C-alpha atoms as a PDB file:
ATOM      1  CA  UNK A   1       0.286   0.266  -0.218  1.00  0.00           C
ATOM      2  CA  UNK A   2       1.350   3.463  -0.588  1.00  0.00           C
ATOM      3  CA  UNK A   3       2.341   6.003   2.095  1.00  0.00           C
ATOM      4  CA  UNK A   4      -0.592   8.290   0.552  1.00  0.00           C
ATOM      5  CA  UNK A   5      -3.041   5.348   0.642  1.00  0.00           C
ATOM      6  CA  UNK A   6      -2.019   4.744   4.425  1.00  0.00           C
ATOM      7  CA  UNK A   7      -2.144   8.413   5.684  1.00  0.00           C
ATOM      8  CA  UNK A   8      -5.998   8.560   3.714  1.00  0.00           C
ATOM      9  CA  UNK A   9      -6.515   5.860   5.979  1.00  0.00           C
ATOM     10  CA  UNK A  10      -4.784   7.324   9.426  1.00  0.00           C
ATOM     11  CA  UNK A  11      -7.062  10.560   9.017  1.00  0.00           C
ATOM     12  CA  UNK A  12     -10.349   8.627   8.256  1.00  0.00           C
ATOM     13  CA  UNK A  13      -9.383   6.573  11.452  1.00  0.00           C
ATOM     14  CA  UNK A  14      -8.949  10.088  13.151  1.00  0.00           C
ATOM     15  CA  UNK A  15     -12.090  11.664  11.710  1.00  0.00           C
ATOM     16  CA  UNK A  16     -13.940   8.403  12.320  1.00  0.00           C
ATOM     17  CA  UNK A  17     -12.811   7.078  15.722  1.00  0.00           C
ATOM     18  CA  UNK A  18     -12.803   3.721  14.586  1.00  0.00           C
ATOM     19  CA  UNK A  19     -11.352   1.206  12.278  1.00  0.00           C
ATOM     20  CA  UNK A  20     -14.926   0.233  10.722  1.00  0.00           C
ATOM     21  CA  UNK A  21     -15.996   4.042  10.427  1.00  0.00           C
ATOM     22  CA  UNK A  22     -12.421   4.260   8.792  1.00  0.00           C
ATOM     23  CA  UNK A  23     -13.345   1.247   6.820  1.00  0.00           C
ATOM     24  CA  UNK A  24     -16.358   2.606   5.180  1.00  0.00           C
ATOM     25  CA  UNK A  25     -15.424   6.344   4.599  1.00  0.00           C
ATOM     26  CA  UNK A  26     -12.015   4.481   2.423  1.00  0.00           C
ATOM     27  CA  UNK A  27     -13.926   1.757   0.677  1.00  0.00           C
ATOM     28  CA  UNK A  28     -12.353  -1.341   2.446  1.00  0.00           C
ATOM     29  CA  UNK A  29     -12.567  -3.571   5.145  1.00  0.00           C
ATOM     30  CA  UNK A  30     -12.067  -2.941   9.355  1.00  0.00           C
ATOM     31  CA  UNK A  31      -8.662  -5.353   9.018  1.00  0.00           C
ATOM     32  CA  UNK A  32      -7.415  -4.000   6.686  1.00  0.00           C
ATOM     33  CA  UNK A  33      -7.478  -0.194   8.030  1.00  0.00           C
ATOM     34  CA  UNK A  34      -6.124  -2.171  11.204  1.00  0.00           C
ATOM     35  CA  UNK A  35      -2.971  -3.268   9.523  1.00  0.00           C
ATOM     36  CA  UNK A  36      -2.014   0.136   7.418  1.00  0.00           C
ATOM     37  CA  UNK A  37      -2.604   2.389  10.617  1.00  0.00           C
ATOM     38  CA  UNK A  38      -0.168  -1.144  12.665  1.00  0.00           C
ATOM     39  CA  UNK A  39       2.387  -0.583   9.630  1.00  0.00           C
ATOM     40  CA  UNK A  40       2.460   3.347   9.935  1.00  0.00           C
ATOM     41  CA  UNK A  41       2.870   2.788  13.332  1.00  0.00           C
ATOM     42  CA  UNK A  42       5.961   0.872  12.979  1.00  0.00           C
ATOM     43  CA  UNK A  43       7.341   2.967  10.146  1.00  0.00           C
ATOM     44  CA  UNK A  44       7.084   5.838  12.561  1.00  0.00           C
ATOM     45  CA  UNK A  45       8.035   4.064  15.841  1.00  0.00           C
ATOM     46  CA  UNK A  46       5.253   6.014  17.400  1.00  0.00           C
ATOM     47  CA  UNK A  47       1.780   5.033  18.985  1.00  0.00           C
ATOM     48  CA  UNK A  48      -0.747   6.462  17.348  1.00  0.00           C
ATOM     49  CA  UNK A  49      -4.019   5.417  18.823  1.00  0.00           C
ATOM     50  CA  UNK A  50      -4.550   3.853  22.213  1.00  0.00           C
ATOM     51  CA  UNK A  51      -6.417   0.581  21.506  1.00  0.00           C
ATOM     52  CA  UNK A  52      -9.337  -1.347  23.640  1.00  0.00           C
ATOM     53  CA  UNK A  53     -11.685  -3.622  23.092  1.00  0.00           C
ATOM     54  CA  UNK A  54     -14.233  -1.639  22.798  1.00  0.00           C
ATOM     55  CA  UNK A  55     -12.672   1.773  21.684  1.00  0.00           C
ATOM     56  CA  UNK A  56      -9.756   3.570  19.878  1.00  0.00           C
ATOM     57  CA  UNK A  57      -8.615   6.569  21.418  1.00  0.00           C
ATOM     58  CA  UNK A  58      -5.939   9.198  19.377  1.00  0.00           C
ATOM     59  CA  UNK A  59      -2.691  10.131  21.626  1.00  0.00           C
ATOM     60  CA  UNK A  60      -1.399  13.067  21.798  1.00  0.00           C
ATOM     61  CA  UNK A  61       1.395  12.168  19.182  1.00  0.00           C
ATOM     62  CA  UNK A  62      -1.413  11.014  16.825  1.00  0.00           C
ATOM     63  CA  UNK A  63      -3.212  14.521  16.868  1.00  0.00           C
ATOM     64  CA  UNK A  64       0.196  16.028  16.297  1.00  0.00           C
ATOM     65  CA  UNK A  65       1.010  13.889  12.985  1.00  0.00           C
ATOM     66  CA  UNK A  66      -2.574  14.577  12.115  1.00  0.00           C
ATOM     67  CA  UNK A  67      -2.131  18.291  12.040  1.00  0.00           C
ATOM     68  CA  UNK A  68       0.584  17.846   9.800  1.00  0.00           C
ATOM     69  CA  UNK A  69      -0.654  14.973   7.671  1.00  0.00           C
ATOM     70  CA  UNK A  70      -3.928  17.242   7.142  1.00  0.00           C
ATOM     71  CA  UNK A  71      -1.975  20.154   6.744  1.00  0.00           C
ATOM     72  CA  UNK A  72       0.285  18.240   4.038  1.00  0.00           C
ATOM     73  CA  UNK A  73      -3.089  17.343   2.083  1.00  0.00           C
ATOM     74  CA  UNK A  74      -4.251  20.635   2.151  1.00  0.00           C
ATOM     75  CA  UNK A  75      -1.336  22.148   0.926  1.00  0.00           C
ATOM     76  CA  UNK A  76      -1.275  19.399  -2.154  1.00  0.00           C
ATOM     77  CA  UNK A  77      -4.948  20.347  -2.764  1.00  0.00           C
ATOM     78  CA  UNK A  78      -3.956  23.610  -3.062  1.00  0.00           C
ATOM     79  CA  UNK A  79      -1.513  22.894  -5.343  1.00  0.00           C
ATOM     80  CA  UNK A  80      -3.022  21.245  -7.844  1.00  0.00           C
ATOM     81  CA  UNK A  81      -5.886  23.222  -7.973  1.00  0.00           C
ATOM     82  CA  UNK A  82      -3.543  26.049  -8.712  1.00  0.00           C
ATOM     83  CA  UNK A  83      -1.941  23.728 -11.751  1.00  0.00           C
ATOM     84  CA  UNK A  84      -5.037  22.971 -12.934  1.00  0.00           C
ATOM     85  CA  UNK A  85      -6.146  26.821 -13.035  1.00  0.00           C
ATOM     86  CA  UNK A  86      -3.119  27.577 -14.302  1.00  0.00           C
ATOM     87  CA  UNK A  87      -3.484  25.217 -17.179  1.00  0.00           C
ATOM     88  CA  UNK A  88      -6.682  26.437 -17.968  1.00  0.00           C
ATOM     89  CA  UNK A  89      -6.443  30.224 -17.602  1.00  0.00           C
ATOM     90  CA  UNK A  90      -3.408  32.244 -19.865  1.00  0.00           C
ATOM     91  CA  UNK A  91      -1.851  33.391 -16.778  1.00  0.00           C
ATOM     92  CA  UNK A  92       2.102  33.637 -15.033  1.00  0.00           C
ATOM     93  CA  UNK A  93       5.164  33.485 -17.190  1.00  0.00           C
ATOM     94  CA  UNK A  94       5.837  33.071 -20.865  1.00  0.00           C
ATOM     95  CA  UNK A  95       9.325  32.323 -21.834  1.00  0.00           C
ATOM     96  CA  UNK A  96       9.931  32.802 -25.493  1.00  0.00           C
ATOM     97  CA  UNK A  97      13.380  31.771 -27.403  1.00  0.00           C
ATOM     98  CA  UNK A  98      13.294  33.516 -30.923  1.00  0.00           C
ATOM     99  CA  UNK A  99      15.492  33.626 -33.869  1.00  0.00           C
ATOM    100  CA  UNK A 100      17.358  36.935 -33.926  1.00  0.00           C
ATOM    101  CA  UNK A 101      15.956  38.535 -37.144  1.00  0.00           C
ATOM    102  CA  UNK A 102      12.620  37.584 -36.946  1.00  0.00           C
ATOM    103  CA  UNK A 103      12.214  38.160 -33.426  1.00  0.00           C
ATOM    104  CA  UNK A 104      12.744  41.395 -34.078  1.00  0.00           C
ATOM    105  CA  UNK A 105      10.866  42.075 -37.488  1.00  0.00           C
ATOM    106  CA  UNK A 106       7.437  39.700 -37.195  1.00  0.00           C
ATOM    107  CA  UNK A 107       7.588  38.865 -33.611  1.00  0.00           C
ATOM    108  CA  UNK A 108       7.813  41.998 -31.733  1.00  0.00           C
ATOM    109  CA  UNK A 109       5.771  43.916 -33.269  1.00  0.00           C
ATOM    110  CA  UNK A 110       2.884  41.455 -32.424  1.00  0.00           C
ATOM    111  CA  UNK A 111       3.692  41.244 -28.487  1.00  0.00           C
ATOM    112  CA  UNK A 112       1.851  44.819 -27.869  1.00  0.00           C
ATOM    113  CA  UNK A 113      -1.290  43.754 -29.350  1.00  0.00           C
ATOM    114  CA  UNK A 114      -0.342  39.720 -27.236  1.00  0.00           C
ATOM    115  CA  UNK A 115      -0.071  41.604 -24.064  1.00  0.00           C
ATOM    116  CA  UNK A 116      -3.247  43.539 -24.026  1.00  0.00           C
ATOM    117  CA  UNK A 117      -5.245  40.792 -24.885  1.00  0.00           C
ATOM    118  CA  UNK A 118      -3.477  38.246 -22.179  1.00  0.00           C
ATOM    119  CA  UNK A 119      -2.755  41.400 -19.370  1.00  0.00           C
ATOM    120  CA  UNK A 120      -2.056  38.048 -17.009  1.00  0.00           C
ATOM    121  CA  UNK A 121       0.934  36.431 -18.796  1.00  0.00           C
ATOM    122  CA  UNK A 122       4.073  38.530 -18.704  1.00  0.00           C
ATOM    123  CA  UNK A 123       6.815  38.325 -21.024  1.00  0.00           C
ATOM    124  CA  UNK A 124      10.236  36.704 -21.086  1.00  0.00           C
ATOM    125  CA  UNK A 125      11.863  37.139 -24.342  1.00  0.00           C
ATOM    126  CA  UNK A 126      15.572  36.069 -25.292  1.00  0.00           C
ATOM    127  CA  UNK A 127      16.714  36.971 -28.953  1.00  0.00           C
ATOM    128  CA  UNK A 128      19.364  34.146 -29.968  1.00  0.00           C
ATOM    129  CA  UNK A 129      20.205  31.914 -32.976  1.00  0.00           C
ATOM    130  CA  UNK A 130      21.619  29.260 -31.102  1.00  0.00           C
ATOM    131  CA  UNK A 131      19.880  26.401 -30.929  1.00  0.00           C
ATOM    132  CA  UNK A 132      19.294  26.185 -27.154  1.00  0.00           C
ATOM    133  CA  UNK A 133      18.024  22.917 -25.274  1.00  0.00           C
ATOM    134  CA  UNK A 134      14.608  25.207 -24.291  1.00  0.00           C
ATOM    135  CA  UNK A 135      13.275  22.108 -21.865  1.00  0.00           C
ATOM    136  CA  UNK A 136      16.715  22.274 -20.028  1.00  0.00           C
ATOM    137  CA  UNK A 137      16.744  26.379 -20.354  1.00  0.00           C
ATOM    138  CA  UNK A 138      12.861  26.072 -19.338  1.00  0.00           C
ATOM    139  CA  UNK A 139      11.466  27.821 -22.326  1.00  0.00           C
ATOM    140  CA  UNK A 140       7.822  27.637 -23.532  1.00  0.00           C
ATOM    141  CA  UNK A 141       8.185  28.336 -26.770  1.00  0.00           C
ATOM    142  CA  UNK A 142      10.485  28.836 -29.541  1.00  0.00           C
ATOM    143  CA  UNK A 143      10.562  30.720 -32.807  1.00  0.00           C
ATOM    144  CA  UNK A 144      13.407  28.923 -35.541  1.00  0.00           C
ATOM    145  CA  UNK A 145      14.072  29.078 -38.889  1.00  0.00           C
ATOM    146  CA  UNK A 146      14.596  25.635 -39.020  1.00  0.00           C
ATOM    147  CA  UNK A 147      14.386  22.877 -36.218  1.00  0.00           C
ATOM    148  CA  UNK A 148      16.938  20.116 -34.729  1.00  0.00           C
ATOM    149  CA  UNK A 149      15.036  16.667 -34.346  1.00  0.00           C
ATOM    150  CA  UNK A 150      13.957  15.722 -30.973  1.00  0.00           C
ATOM    151  CA  UNK A 151      11.860  13.378 -29.598  1.00  0.00           C
ATOM    152  CA  UNK A 152      11.117  15.721 -26.796  1.00  0.00           C
ATOM    153  CA  UNK A 153       9.953  18.583 -28.811  1.00  0.00           C
ATOM    154  CA  UNK A 154       6.783  19.429 -31.276  1.00  0.00           C
ATOM    155  CA  UNK A 155       8.018  21.105 -34.195  1.00  0.00           C
ATOM    156  CA  UNK A 156       4.974  22.863 -35.655  1.00  0.00           C
ATOM    157  CA  UNK A 157       5.465  25.435 -39.213  1.00  0.00           C
ATOM    158  CA  UNK A 158       4.511  28.791 -38.939  1.00  0.00           C
ATOM    159  CA  UNK A 159       4.956  29.317 -42.465  1.00  0.00           C
ATOM    160  CA  UNK A 160       7.891  28.447 -44.992  1.00  0.00           C
ATOM    161  CA  UNK A 161      10.711  30.243 -45.378  1.00  0.00           C
ATOM    162  CA  UNK A 162      11.102  31.543 -49.000  1.00  0.00           C
ATOM    163  CA  UNK A 163      14.448  33.419 -50.210  1.00  0.00           C
ATOM    164  CA  UNK A 164      14.462  36.355 -52.936  1.00  0.00           C
ATOM    165  CA  UNK A 165      17.813  37.326 -54.818  1.00  0.00           C
ATOM    166  CA  UNK A 166      17.893  41.500 -54.004  1.00  0.00           C
ATOM    167  CA  UNK A 167      19.945  44.143 -54.679  1.00  0.00           C
ATOM    168  CA  UNK A 168      18.951  47.879 -54.539  1.00  0.00           C
ATOM    169  CA  UNK A 169      18.133  50.472 -57.076  1.00  0.00           C
ATOM    170  CA  UNK A 170      21.418  52.136 -56.868  1.00  0.00           C
ATOM    171  CA  UNK A 171      23.741  49.204 -57.412  1.00  0.00           C
ATOM    172  CA  UNK A 172      21.563  48.295 -60.173  1.00  0.00           C
ATOM    173  CA  UNK A 173      21.859  51.480 -61.974  1.00  0.00           C
ATOM    174  CA  UNK A 174      25.885  51.134 -61.327  1.00  0.00           C
ATOM    175  CA  UNK A 175      26.397  47.264 -61.975  1.00  0.00           C
ATOM    176  CA  UNK A 176      23.998  46.665 -63.941  1.00  0.00           C
ATOM    177  CA  UNK A 177      21.010  43.776 -64.223  1.00  0.00           C
ATOM    178  CA  UNK A 178      22.333  40.111 -63.711  1.00  0.00           C
ATOM    179  CA  UNK A 179      20.019  37.942 -66.077  1.00  0.00           C
ATOM    180  CA  UNK A 180      21.576  34.716 -65.139  1.00  0.00           C
ATOM    181  CA  UNK A 181      23.665  32.649 -63.052  1.00  0.00           C
ATOM    182  CA  UNK A 182      26.776  33.408 -65.743  1.00  0.00           C
ATOM    183  CA  UNK A 183      26.596  37.349 -64.892  1.00  0.00           C
ATOM    184  CA  UNK A 184      26.822  36.556 -61.417  1.00  0.00           C
ATOM    185  CA  UNK A 185      30.657  36.412 -61.855  1.00  0.00           C
ATOM    186  CA  UNK A 186      31.495  40.015 -62.328  1.00  0.00           C
ATOM    187  CA  UNK A 187      28.841  41.006 -59.123  1.00  0.00           C
ATOM    188  CA  UNK A 188      29.537  41.859 -55.764  1.00  0.00           C
ATOM    189  CA  UNK A 189      27.700  39.174 -53.535  1.00  0.00           C
ATOM    190  CA  UNK A 190      26.972  39.139 -49.775  1.00  0.00           C
ATOM    191  CA  UNK A 191      26.922  35.866 -48.132  1.00  0.00           C
ATOM    192  CA  UNK A 192      25.837  34.890 -44.661  1.00  0.00           C
ATOM    193  CA  UNK A 193      27.375  32.628 -42.148  1.00  0.00           C
ATOM    194  CA  UNK A 194      25.435  30.417 -39.959  1.00  0.00           C
ATOM    195  CA  UNK A 195      26.016  30.698 -36.573  1.00  0.00           C
ATOM    196  CA  UNK A 196      25.422  27.219 -35.381  1.00  0.00           C
ATOM    197  CA  UNK A 197      27.687  25.570 -37.977  1.00  0.00           C
ATOM    198  CA  UNK A 198      29.988  28.710 -39.583  1.00  0.00           C
ATOM    199  CA  UNK A 199      29.320  27.746 -42.543  1.00  0.00           C
ATOM    200  CA  UNK A 200      27.767  30.167 -45.148  1.00  0.00           C
ATOM    201  CA  UNK A 201      24.244  29.792 -46.388  1.00  0.00           C
ATOM    202  CA  UNK A 202      24.129  28.231 -49.918  1.00  0.00           C
ATOM    203  CA  UNK A 203      22.558  30.439 -52.763  1.00  0.00           C
ATOM    204  CA  UNK A 204      20.255  29.056 -55.401  1.00  0.00           C
ATOM    205  CA  UNK A 205      19.439  30.564 -58.623  1.00  0.00           C
ATOM    206  CA  UNK A 206      17.549  29.686 -61.653  1.00  0.00           C
ATOM    207  CA  UNK A 207      18.882  28.129 -64.476  1.00  0.00           C
ATOM    208  CA  UNK A 208      17.509  28.590 -67.996  1.00  0.00           C
ATOM    209  CA  UNK A 209      14.906  26.425 -67.434  1.00  0.00           C
ATOM    210  CA  UNK A 210      13.889  28.535 -64.256  1.00  0.00           C
ATOM    211  CA  UNK A 211      14.627  25.678 -61.978  1.00  0.00           C
ATOM    212  CA  UNK A 212      17.040  26.788 -59.296  1.00  0.00           C
ATOM    213  CA  UNK A 213      20.516  24.811 -59.054  1.00  0.00           C
ATOM    214  CA  UNK A 214      23.025  25.503 -56.265  1.00  0.00           C
ATOM    215  CA  UNK A 215      25.662  28.298 -56.891  1.00  0.00           C
ATOM    216  CA  UNK A 216      29.155  28.047 -56.555  1.00  0.00           C
ATOM    217  CA  UNK A 217      29.989  32.185 -55.961  1.00  0.00           C
ATOM    218  CA  UNK A 218      32.197  34.093 -54.108  1.00  0.00           C
ATOM    219  CA  UNK A 219      31.141  36.000 -51.862  1.00  0.00           C
ATOM    220  CA  UNK A 220      32.672  40.028 -51.395  1.00  0.00           C
ATOM    221  CA  UNK A 221      31.724  40.752 -48.181  1.00  0.00           C
ATOM    222  CA  UNK A 222      30.300  38.402 -45.252  1.00  0.00           C
ATOM    223  CA  UNK A 223      28.272  38.579 -42.199  1.00  0.00           C
ATOM    224  CA  UNK A 224      26.476  36.462 -39.675  1.00  0.00           C
ATOM    225  CA  UNK A 225      23.932  38.572 -38.656  1.00  0.00           C
ATOM    226  CA  UNK A 226      20.785  38.977 -41.083  1.00  0.00           C
ATOM    227  CA  UNK A 227      19.562  42.703 -40.216  1.00  0.00           C
ATOM    228  CA  UNK A 228      23.341  43.753 -41.210  1.00  0.00           C
ATOM    229  CA  UNK A 229      22.631  41.751 -44.371  1.00  0.00           C
ATOM    230  CA  UNK A 230      19.600  43.038 -45.384  1.00  0.00           C
ATOM    231  CA  UNK A 231      21.384  46.763 -45.037  1.00  0.00           C
ATOM    232  CA  UNK A 232      24.233  46.032 -46.664  1.00  0.00           C
ATOM    233  CA  UNK A 233      22.255  45.098 -49.465  1.00  0.00           C
ATOM    234  CA  UNK A 234      19.772  48.012 -49.115  1.00  0.00           C
ATOM    235  CA  UNK A 235      23.446  50.199 -49.301  1.00  0.00           C
ATOM    236  CA  UNK A 236      24.955  48.905 -52.454  1.00  0.00           C
ATOM    237  CA  UNK A 237      27.506  46.447 -51.146  1.00  0.00           C
ATOM    238  CA  UNK A 238      26.523  43.992 -53.697  1.00  0.00           C
ATOM    239  CA  UNK A 239      23.173  41.232 -54.688  1.00  0.00           C
ATOM    240  CA  UNK A 240      22.189  38.736 -51.658  1.00  0.00           C
ATOM    241  CA  UNK A 241      19.251  36.375 -51.545  1.00  0.00           C
ATOM    242  CA  UNK A 242      17.323  37.164 -47.835  1.00  0.00           C
ATOM    243  CA  UNK A 243      14.790  34.871 -46.412  1.00  0.00           C
ATOM    244  CA  UNK A 244      11.076  37.257 -46.917  1.00  0.00           C
ATOM    245  CA  UNK A 245      10.832  38.143 -43.785  1.00  0.00           C
ATOM    246  CA  UNK A 246      14.344  39.970 -43.978  1.00  0.00           C
ATOM    247  CA  UNK A 247      13.376  40.963 -47.878  1.00  0.00           C
ATOM    248  CA  UNK A 248       9.482  42.128 -47.507  1.00  0.00           C
ATOM    249  CA  UNK A 249       9.763  45.747 -45.547  1.00  0.00           C
ATOM    250  CA  UNK A 250      12.716  47.135 -48.188  1.00  0.00           C
ATOM    251  CA  UNK A 251      10.786  45.719 -50.844  1.00  0.00           C
ATOM    252  CA  UNK A 252       7.875  47.220 -50.100  1.00  0.00           C
ATOM    253  CA  UNK A 253       9.736  50.661 -49.863  1.00  0.00           C
ATOM    254  CA  UNK A 254      11.709  49.945 -53.061  1.00  0.00           C
ATOM    255  CA  UNK A 255      14.690  49.874 -51.260  1.00  0.00           C
ATOM    256  CA  UNK A 256      15.573  46.512 -52.615  1.00  0.00           C
ATOM    257  CA  UNK A 257      14.380  45.249 -56.347  1.00  0.00           C
ATOM    258  CA  UNK A 258      13.944  41.416 -56.031  1.00  0.00           C
ATOM    259  CA  UNK A 259      15.364  39.700 -59.507  1.00  0.00           C
ATOM    260  CA  UNK A 260      14.109  36.371 -60.057  1.00  0.00           C
ATOM    261  CA  UNK A 261      10.883  34.666 -58.816  1.00  0.00           C
ATOM    262  CA  UNK A 262      11.237  33.172 -55.023  1.00  0.00           C
ATOM    263  CA  UNK A 263      12.954  30.375 -54.049  1.00  0.00           C
ATOM    264  CA  UNK A 264      11.435  28.020 -51.640  1.00  0.00           C
ATOM    265  CA  UNK A 265      13.724  25.050 -50.280  1.00  0.00           C
ATOM    266  CA  UNK A 266      12.095  21.225 -50.604  1.00  0.00           C
ATOM    267  CA  UNK A 267      13.506  20.499 -47.464  1.00  0.00           C
ATOM    268  CA  UNK A 268      10.622  19.775 -44.761  1.00  0.00           C
ATOM    269  CA  UNK A 269      12.724  21.536 -41.921  1.00  0.00           C
ATOM    270  CA  UNK A 270      13.793  24.744 -43.567  1.00  0.00           C
ATOM    271  CA  UNK A 271      10.732  26.482 -42.415  1.00  0.00           C
ATOM    272  CA  UNK A 272       9.551  29.339 -39.624  1.00  0.00           C
ATOM    273  CA  UNK A 273       8.526  26.896 -36.781  1.00  0.00           C
ATOM    274  CA  UNK A 274       7.386  27.260 -33.037  1.00  0.00           C
ATOM    275  CA  UNK A 275       9.152  24.329 -31.463  1.00  0.00           C
ATOM    276  CA  UNK A 276       7.904  23.308 -27.724  1.00  0.00           C
ATOM    277  CA  UNK A 277       8.344  20.686 -24.972  1.00  0.00           C
ATOM    278  CA  UNK A 278       5.722  18.039 -25.683  1.00  0.00           C
ATOM    279  CA  UNK A 279       3.161  17.311 -23.402  1.00  0.00           C
ATOM    280  CA  UNK A 280       0.164  15.311 -21.986  1.00  0.00           C
ATOM    281  CA  UNK A 281      -1.535  18.609 -20.836  1.00  0.00           C
ATOM    282  CA  UNK A 282      -0.181  22.099 -23.000  1.00  0.00           C
ATOM    283  CA  UNK A 283      -0.270  25.372 -19.945  1.00  0.00           C
ATOM    284  CA  UNK A 284      -2.951  28.163 -21.306  1.00  0.00           C
ATOM    285  CA  UNK A 285      -1.007  30.578 -22.066  1.00  0.00           C
ATOM    286  CA  UNK A 286       1.568  28.714 -24.616  1.00  0.00           C
ATOM    287  CA  UNK A 287      -1.370  27.678 -26.391  1.00  0.00           C
ATOM    288  CA  UNK A 288      -3.404  30.939 -26.674  1.00  0.00           C
ATOM    289  CA  UNK A 289       0.155  32.099 -27.757  1.00  0.00           C
ATOM    290  CA  UNK A 290       0.594  29.864 -30.721  1.00  0.00           C
ATOM    291  CA  UNK A 291      -3.082  30.432 -31.895  1.00  0.00           C
ATOM    292  CA  UNK A 292      -2.022  34.208 -31.932  1.00  0.00           C
ATOM    293  CA  UNK A 293       0.639  34.075 -33.500  1.00  0.00           C
ATOM    294  CA  UNK A 294      -0.653  31.938 -36.058  1.00  0.00           C
ATOM    295  CA  UNK A 295      -3.863  34.579 -36.463  1.00  0.00           C
ATOM    296  CA  UNK A 296      -1.417  37.631 -36.480  1.00  0.00           C
ATOM    297  CA  UNK A 297       0.465  35.557 -39.754  1.00  0.00           C
ATOM    298  CA  UNK A 298      -2.751  35.367 -41.624  1.00  0.00           C
ATOM    299  CA  UNK A 299      -2.984  38.981 -41.083  1.00  0.00           C
ATOM    300  CA  UNK A 300       0.497  39.283 -42.681  1.00  0.00           C
ATOM    301  CA  UNK A 301      -0.703  36.729 -45.991  1.00  0.00           C
ATOM    302  CA  UNK A 302       1.174  34.185 -44.308  1.00  0.00           C
ATOM    303  CA  UNK A 303       0.535  30.584 -43.202  1.00  0.00           C
ATOM    304  CA  UNK A 304       2.172  27.202 -42.745  1.00  0.00           C
ATOM    305  CA  UNK A 305       2.632  26.646 -46.546  1.00  0.00           C
ATOM    306  CA  UNK A 306       2.572  29.824 -47.916  1.00  0.00           C
ATOM    307  CA  UNK A 307       4.276  33.463 -47.553  1.00  0.00           C
ATOM    308  CA  UNK A 308       3.036  36.861 -49.100  1.00  0.00           C
ATOM    309  CA  UNK A 309       6.048  36.360 -51.202  1.00  0.00           C
ATOM    310  CA  UNK A 310       4.191  34.241 -53.357  1.00  0.00           C
ATOM    311  CA  UNK A 311       1.399  37.148 -54.221  1.00  0.00           C
ATOM    312  CA  UNK A 312       4.595  39.402 -54.807  1.00  0.00           C
ATOM    313  CA  UNK A 313       5.085  40.410 -58.444  1.00  0.00           C
ATOM    314  CA  UNK A 314       9.523  40.734 -59.068  1.00  0.00           C
ATOM    315  CA  UNK A 315      10.568  43.705 -60.762  1.00  0.00           C
ATOM    316  CA  UNK A 316      13.534  45.321 -61.790  1.00  0.00           C
ATOM    317  CA  UNK A 317      12.502  48.306 -63.622  1.00  0.00           C
ATOM    318  CA  UNK A 318      12.937  51.332 -61.492  1.00  0.00           C
END
């Protein structure tokens, strides 16, 4: 018999004043109750009840022990109620880890509306491009461009990650418009170094049939910061292949020109993902945040299998 069950029987005996009464309230028989109490007394090395042929009477040690056990059950019940409520009501601290650029450009502008909708949720926001162990770091949600497969985690795609070959109008006026892969040998290229691996992000350009192929091109300039890469492109340092969330604002403001139709990597793990620990009961603060993310992205023309880029008409005239 487990300890909690034994303690329940002990309290029932205290409250009922007899083994028979305790047996009735615990849905068992008096013999089982008597044995459970005796076993508890042997474990403690104390006499909890004085027994006679006609009645049992709790001892001073038994009364003191009963007070402690009763308080323990009350605290346990209160804790369970609080945890159930926190799982059902959106409140508490929500710990978020986001990829840096996506966090600044997409996530941060959403947060004011989220906090206004859920004022009882407090945010703990970390911007980090490294794939941290979110379970070890006690993180509720991570937003990542790509993910590492981990059986402890759930990864749901918020959107694909579409790439656009971009250059500034000033750069194109000075250096001309590249029409095909061969033209890029005479152009400056801005490369992106992936922090996680230290490798350069591959470049994919369309061949004559329009199919995207990997291209080995020298990078004139290199950075490991996405926003720096986009701004260098805007400033005329060269051509860059930018993910949709980095290119969006500059394209709409015509600070950048899209040279080719978008490229979408075929790998299933190349999109933007929301990642969280696998658990049977998801806290309400996590559930409503994921719902809010998807809702906000839909208003921006994005979903788990599309981005705004699909409706964007690339052009090179200016």
